[in-house]
Amino acid sequence: MSSVIETITPVTHDLGAFEVRRALPARSRTMVGPFVFVDQFGPAILPTGSGMDVRPHPHIGLATVTWLFEGAIGHRDSLGSDAVIRPGQVNLMTAGRGIVHSERSPQDERNAGAHLYGMQTWLALPDGREEIAPAFEAQRDLPIVSGDGARATVIMGSLWGETAPTTVHAATIYADIVLEAGGTIPIEAEADERAVMLVGGEASLDGGALAPYALVVLAPGAALTLGSQRGGRVMLLGGEAFATRRHVWWNFVSSSPERLRAAADDWREGRFPLVPGDAEEFIPIPQKPNTVSYP
């Protein structure tokens, strides 16, 4: 399709009970708009009694966005936030100059067999805002656009005439689109950079089939139609193109490689704040992290 710049096949990490598919950063592309990291996980049901346990770890220079299709994840952070993420709610954690958080399955999920199915994305903070104060918000009252066999939740930004209440630090679009059999929806062309990812069922873009979990980067300005013959679910993401490069190393994002090294030293030396209620464990600095930007 001439309307497609490239298709990125994610790297799949098998974590035993479930799989995580990482589309960004990739060798060919490190960002789509402000999105500098795109993970899709599940669907999976974990064994009864077990759950997700991501120990406390730090971030700088980014905002994490957690969106679930199924299940629940408990979030705690060094600001004292204590929230449970469920489908229909977006959790936005702005790291700025530094934050620490943990993600664990709630006890009721463990008792029933925890469901894990959703998206974890990072948004790079724009120039002049990389070191803002950390913050956390959970938004539940998100606009929904329905029609022509499609139902789209606007998670961030403005789409189809609706605007989400979620804070944006740079111009951002993010939406969860559920298509019925025979459903269609236009993909608006205003954003500098856009991409779609099929996360369930089947769907096509202007008649061209989408491969499951591939991140399909769209040409700027191209007016496109998303459709499905049998029903499917597609994520739309993007926003403004950054003029300056962002570097990624482990959980840190910055326009300055020196700032990444300083953050690693700060975590190694215990200079980040603790997470109230979850301060006994932590993830140590890896010698070779899975998440890095490419030269």
Protein backbone atom coordinates (compact mmCIF):
# COMPACT_ATOMS: atom_id res chain seq x y z
CA MET A 1 0.00 0.00 0.00
CA SER A 2 1.44 3.39 -1.00
CA SER A 3 -0.20 4.86 2.09
CA VAL A 4 2.11 2.74 4.28
CA ILE A 5 5.68 3.88 4.97
CA GLU A 6 6.79 0.68 6.67
CA THR A 7 5.59 -2.31 8.63
CA ILE A 8 7.47 -3.18 11.80
CA THR A 9 7.31 -6.79 13.00
CA PRO A 10 7.63 -6.70 16.79
CA VAL A 11 10.21 -8.64 18.75
CA THR A 12 8.42 -11.23 20.88
CA HIS A 13 9.60 -11.87 24.44
CA ASP A 14 8.26 -15.14 25.88
CA LEU A 15 7.86 -14.62 29.63
CA GLY A 16 6.55 -18.12 30.22
CA ALA A 17 2.96 -17.42 31.23
CA PHE A 18 2.47 -14.77 28.55
CA GLU A 19 4.15 -13.04 25.61
CA VAL A 20 5.17 -9.40 25.19
CA ARG A 21 5.56 -8.03 21.66
CA ARG A 22 7.81 -4.96 21.36
CA ALA A 23 7.36 -2.87 18.20
CA LEU A 24 9.26 0.26 19.30
CA PRO A 25 12.07 1.08 19.49
CA ALA A 26 13.11 -0.82 16.35
CA ARG A 27 16.25 -0.69 14.21
CA SER A 28 14.41 1.01 11.36
CA ARG A 29 12.43 3.48 13.49
CA THR A 30 12.64 4.67 17.08
CA MET A 31 9.52 6.87 17.29
CA VAL A 32 6.04 7.47 15.88
CA GLY A 33 5.07 10.93 17.04
CA PRO A 34 5.96 11.04 20.74
CA PHE A 35 5.59 7.24 21.09
CA VAL A 36 9.09 5.93 21.77
CA PHE A 37 8.13 2.50 23.17
CA VAL A 38 5.22 0.25 22.16
CA ASP A 39 4.55 -3.07 23.89
CA GLN A 40 1.54 -5.33 23.40
CA PHE A 41 1.02 -8.19 25.87
CA GLY A 42 -1.35 -11.18 26.03
CA PRO A 43 -4.02 -12.34 25.79
CA ALA A 44 -3.20 -14.77 28.57
CA ILE A 45 -4.66 -16.26 31.72
CA LEU A 46 -2.05 -16.94 34.37
CA PRO A 47 -2.19 -20.00 36.67
CA THR A 48 -4.44 -19.57 39.72
CA GLY A 49 -2.51 -17.96 42.56
CA SER A 50 0.08 -16.31 40.34
CA GLY A 51 0.18 -12.91 38.69
CA MET A 52 2.27 -10.11 37.23
CA ASP A 53 4.99 -8.87 39.58
CA VAL A 54 7.06 -6.03 38.14
CA ARG A 55 9.20 -4.85 41.06
CA PRO A 56 9.90 -1.15 41.68
CA HIS A 57 11.98 0.43 38.91
CA PRO A 58 12.76 4.01 37.81
CA HIS A 59 11.91 6.20 34.81
CA ILE A 60 12.98 9.63 33.55
CA GLY A 61 12.09 11.79 30.54
CA LEU A 62 8.88 10.01 29.56
CA ALA A 63 5.23 9.37 30.34
CA THR A 64 4.00 5.78 30.58
CA VAL A 65 0.52 4.97 29.27
CA THR A 66 -1.16 1.73 30.38
CA TRP A 67 -4.31 0.52 28.58
CA LEU A 68 -5.97 -2.84 29.24
CA PHE A 69 -8.37 -4.91 27.14
CA GLU A 70 -8.77 -7.53 29.89
CA GLY A 71 -7.63 -8.01 33.47
CA ALA A 72 -6.32 -5.60 36.10
CA ILE A 73 -2.93 -4.28 37.21
CA GLY A 74 -2.13 -2.64 40.52
CA HIS A 75 0.05 0.47 40.26
CA ARG A 76 2.09 2.08 43.04
CA ASP A 77 4.63 4.85 42.65
CA SER A 78 7.01 7.06 44.60
CA LEU A 79 4.45 9.89 44.67
CA GLY A 80 2.26 7.70 46.87
CA SER A 81 -0.19 6.80 44.08
CA ASP A 82 -2.01 3.51 44.62
CA ALA A 83 -4.40 2.60 41.79
CA VAL A 84 -5.82 -0.46 40.04
CA ILE A 85 -5.89 -0.22 36.25
CA ARG A 86 -8.91 -1.86 34.60
CA PRO A 87 -10.32 -1.90 31.04
CA GLY A 88 -11.77 1.45 29.99
CA GLN A 89 -9.38 3.41 32.21
CA VAL A 90 -6.11 4.96 31.06
CA ASN A 91 -3.28 5.42 33.54
CA LEU A 92 -0.75 8.11 32.66
CA MET A 93 2.39 8.33 34.76
CA THR A 94 4.66 11.26 33.92
CA ALA A 95 8.22 10.51 35.01
CA GLY A 96 9.80 13.87 34.19
CA ARG A 97 12.92 14.30 36.29
CA GLY A 98 12.37 10.94 37.99
CA ILE A 99 9.82 8.51 39.40
CA VAL A 100 9.77 4.91 40.64
CA HIS A 101 6.82 2.53 40.29
CA SER A 102 5.76 -1.10 40.51
CA GLU A 103 3.09 -3.10 38.69
CA ARG A 104 1.51 -6.16 40.29
CA SER A 105 -1.66 -8.20 39.79
CA PRO A 106 -4.27 -7.50 42.51
CA GLN A 107 -5.09 -10.37 44.87
CA ASP A 108 -8.58 -10.92 43.44
CA GLU A 109 -7.04 -11.41 40.00
CA ARG A 110 -4.52 -13.90 41.38
CA ASN A 111 -7.26 -15.87 43.12
CA ALA A 112 -9.26 -16.24 39.89
CA GLY A 113 -6.34 -16.64 37.46
CA ALA A 114 -5.03 -13.26 36.36
CA HIS A 115 -5.95 -12.07 32.86
CA LEU A 116 -3.30 -10.07 31.01
CA TYR A 117 -4.15 -8.41 27.70
CA GLY A 118 -3.32 -4.84 26.79
CA MET A 119 -0.84 -2.17 25.78
CA GLN A 120 2.06 -0.46 27.55
CA THR A 121 3.48 2.56 25.73
CA TRP A 122 5.93 5.33 26.56
CA LEU A 123 5.69 8.88 25.30
CA ALA A 124 8.89 10.90 25.13
CA LEU A 125 8.57 14.30 26.76
CA PRO A 126 9.20 17.25 24.40
CA ASP A 127 12.08 19.70 24.45
CA GLY A 128 11.95 21.94 27.50
CA ARG A 129 9.71 19.50 29.41
CA GLU A 130 11.93 16.47 29.91
CA GLU A 131 12.66 17.42 33.53
CA ILE A 132 9.17 18.46 34.65
CA ALA A 133 7.80 17.32 38.01
CA PRO A 134 6.56 13.71 38.11
CA ALA A 135 2.78 13.17 38.14
CA PHE A 136 0.14 10.45 37.94
CA GLU A 137 -3.45 10.42 36.70
CA ALA A 138 -6.16 7.86 35.96
CA GLN A 139 -8.86 8.85 33.47
CA ARG A 140 -12.10 6.87 33.18
CA ASP A 141 -14.46 9.31 31.45
CA LEU A 142 -13.08 8.89 27.94
CA PRO A 143 -15.06 9.87 24.81
CA ILE A 144 -16.43 7.07 22.64
CA VAL A 145 -17.21 7.46 18.94
CA SER A 146 -19.67 4.96 17.41
CA GLY A 147 -21.05 4.37 13.93
CA ASP A 148 -20.75 2.22 10.79
CA GLY A 149 -20.06 -0.88 12.88
CA ALA A 150 -17.12 0.70 14.73
CA ARG A 151 -16.67 1.82 18.33
CA ALA A 152 -13.56 3.90 19.10
CA THR A 153 -12.38 5.04 22.51
CA VAL A 154 -10.28 8.22 22.34
CA ILE A 155 -7.57 7.59 24.93
CA MET A 156 -5.44 10.68 24.27
CA GLY A 157 -5.74 13.74 22.05
CA SER A 158 -8.48 14.74 19.60
CA LEU A 159 -10.00 12.34 17.06
CA TRP A 160 -13.32 12.18 15.17
CA GLY A 161 -14.42 15.45 16.76
CA GLU A 162 -13.86 14.28 20.35
CA THR A 163 -11.08 15.15 22.81
CA ALA A 164 -9.91 12.97 25.69
CA PRO A 165 -9.33 14.59 29.10
CA THR A 166 -5.97 12.84 29.43
CA THR A 167 -2.97 15.17 29.81
CA VAL A 168 -0.76 15.47 26.74
CA HIS A 169 2.74 16.95 26.91
CA ALA A 170 3.19 16.95 23.13
CA ALA A 171 0.49 16.68 20.45
CA THR A 172 -0.66 13.05 20.70
CA ILE A 173 -3.35 10.78 19.27
CA TYR A 174 -4.18 7.40 20.79
CA ALA A 175 -7.35 5.33 20.28
CA ASP A 176 -8.72 1.81 20.75
CA ILE A 177 -10.94 0.85 17.79
CA VAL A 178 -13.29 -2.16 17.95
CA LEU A 179 -14.81 -3.18 14.61
CA GLU A 180 -17.87 -5.37 14.16
CA ALA A 181 -18.14 -7.67 11.14
CA GLY A 182 -18.44 -5.31 8.18
CA GLY A 183 -17.54 -2.25 10.26
CA THR A 184 -15.47 0.68 8.96
CA ILE A 185 -13.99 3.90 10.33
CA PRO A 186 -11.90 6.66 8.71
CA ILE A 187 -8.35 7.20 9.95
CA GLU A 188 -7.87 10.94 10.24
CA ALA A 189 -4.84 12.48 8.55
CA GLU A 190 -4.01 15.52 10.70
CA ALA A 191 -1.20 14.08 12.86
CA ASP A 192 2.42 14.40 11.73
CA GLU A 193 3.01 10.68 12.25
CA ARG A 194 0.55 7.80 12.68
CA ALA A 195 0.58 4.03 13.00
CA VAL A 196 -1.94 1.25 13.55
CA MET A 197 -1.60 -2.16 15.19
CA LEU A 198 -4.05 -5.07 14.86
CA VAL A 199 -4.36 -6.56 18.36
CA GLY A 200 -7.29 -8.93 17.90
CA GLY A 201 -9.42 -10.50 15.16
CA GLU A 202 -8.82 -9.26 11.61
CA ALA A 203 -8.84 -5.90 9.89
CA SER A 204 -7.72 -4.18 6.72
CA LEU A 205 -6.55 -0.71 5.74
CA ASP A 206 -7.99 0.47 2.42
CA GLY A 207 -8.54 -3.21 1.61
CA GLY A 208 -5.01 -4.35 2.50
CA ALA A 209 -4.95 -6.93 5.29
CA LEU A 210 -3.16 -6.03 8.53
CA ALA A 211 -0.84 -8.64 10.05
CA PRO A 212 -1.50 -9.36 13.74
CA TYR A 213 0.60 -7.21 16.11
CA ALA A 214 2.62 -5.54 13.34
CA LEU A 215 3.05 -1.78 13.71
CA VAL A 216 1.99 -0.27 10.39
CA VAL A 217 3.38 3.27 9.94
CA LEU A 218 1.16 5.43 7.74
CA ALA A 219 2.15 8.06 5.20
CA PRO A 220 1.61 11.66 6.39
CA GLY A 221 -1.62 13.19 5.13
CA ALA A 222 -3.02 9.98 3.65
CA ALA A 223 -6.79 9.63 4.20
CA LEU A 224 -7.47 5.96 4.93
CA THR A 225 -10.32 3.69 5.93
CA LEU A 226 -10.01 0.90 8.47
CA GLY A 227 -12.41 -2.01 8.03
CA SER A 228 -13.07 -5.60 9.06
CA GLN A 229 -15.00 -8.45 7.48
CA ARG A 230 -15.24 -10.65 10.59
CA GLY A 231 -14.54 -8.21 13.44
CA GLY A 232 -11.30 -6.99 14.96
CA ARG A 233 -9.52 -4.61 17.31
CA VAL A 234 -6.96 -2.01 16.21
CA MET A 235 -4.88 0.56 18.09
CA LEU A 236 -4.22 3.94 16.45
CA LEU A 237 -1.30 6.00 17.77
CA GLY A 238 0.88 8.94 16.79
CA GLY A 239 1.21 12.69 17.05
CA GLU A 240 3.75 15.42 16.45
CA ALA A 241 7.15 14.55 15.01
CA PHE A 242 10.03 15.46 17.32
CA ALA A 243 12.70 17.75 15.90
CA THR A 244 15.40 16.39 18.22
CA ARG A 245 16.39 12.79 18.77
CA ARG A 246 15.46 10.83 21.88
CA HIS A 247 17.81 8.21 23.29
CA VAL A 248 16.49 5.17 25.16
CA TRP A 249 18.45 3.05 27.62
CA TRP A 250 16.60 0.59 29.85
CA ASN A 251 13.75 2.57 31.50
CA PHE A 252 15.21 5.99 30.75
CA VAL A 253 14.50 8.37 27.85
CA SER A 254 16.38 11.61 27.18
CA SER A 255 17.70 13.89 24.46
CA SER A 256 21.06 13.65 26.30
CA PRO A 257 23.08 10.42 26.56
CA GLU A 258 24.84 11.96 29.56
CA ARG A 259 21.48 12.29 31.34
CA LEU A 260 20.84 8.57 30.78
CA ARG A 261 24.16 7.71 32.39
CA ALA A 262 23.43 10.00 35.32
CA ALA A 263 20.04 8.36 35.86
CA ALA A 264 21.64 4.90 35.82
CA ASP A 265 24.16 6.05 38.43
CA ASP A 266 21.37 7.53 40.56
CA TRP A 267 19.45 4.24 40.55
CA ARG A 268 22.60 2.22 41.23
CA GLU A 269 23.46 4.45 44.19
CA GLY A 270 19.94 4.51 45.65
CA ARG A 271 19.23 8.18 44.98
CA PHE A 272 15.72 7.68 43.53
CA PRO A 273 12.74 7.84 45.95
CA LEU A 274 11.09 4.70 47.32
CA VAL A 275 7.59 3.40 46.55
CA PRO A 276 5.40 3.57 49.69
CA GLY A 277 3.93 0.15 50.38
CA ASP A 278 6.34 -1.60 47.99
CA ALA A 279 9.83 -0.64 49.10
CA GLU A 280 11.33 -4.04 49.92
CA GLU A 281 12.22 -5.08 46.38
CA PHE A 282 13.65 -3.41 43.29
CA ILE A 283 14.90 -4.24 39.81
CA PRO A 284 18.68 -3.75 39.58
CA ILE A 285 20.39 -2.03 36.67
CA PRO A 286 20.90 -4.61 33.90
CA GLN A 287 24.28 -5.01 32.25
CA LYS A 288 22.58 -5.32 28.85
CA PRO A 289 19.00 -3.97 28.80
CA ASN A 290 16.37 -5.23 26.36
CA THR A 291 15.26 -1.69 25.56
CA VAL A 292 17.81 0.53 23.80
CA SER A 293 17.78 3.03 20.97
CA TYR A 294 19.86 2.17 17.93
CA PRO A 295 22.81 4.17 16.55
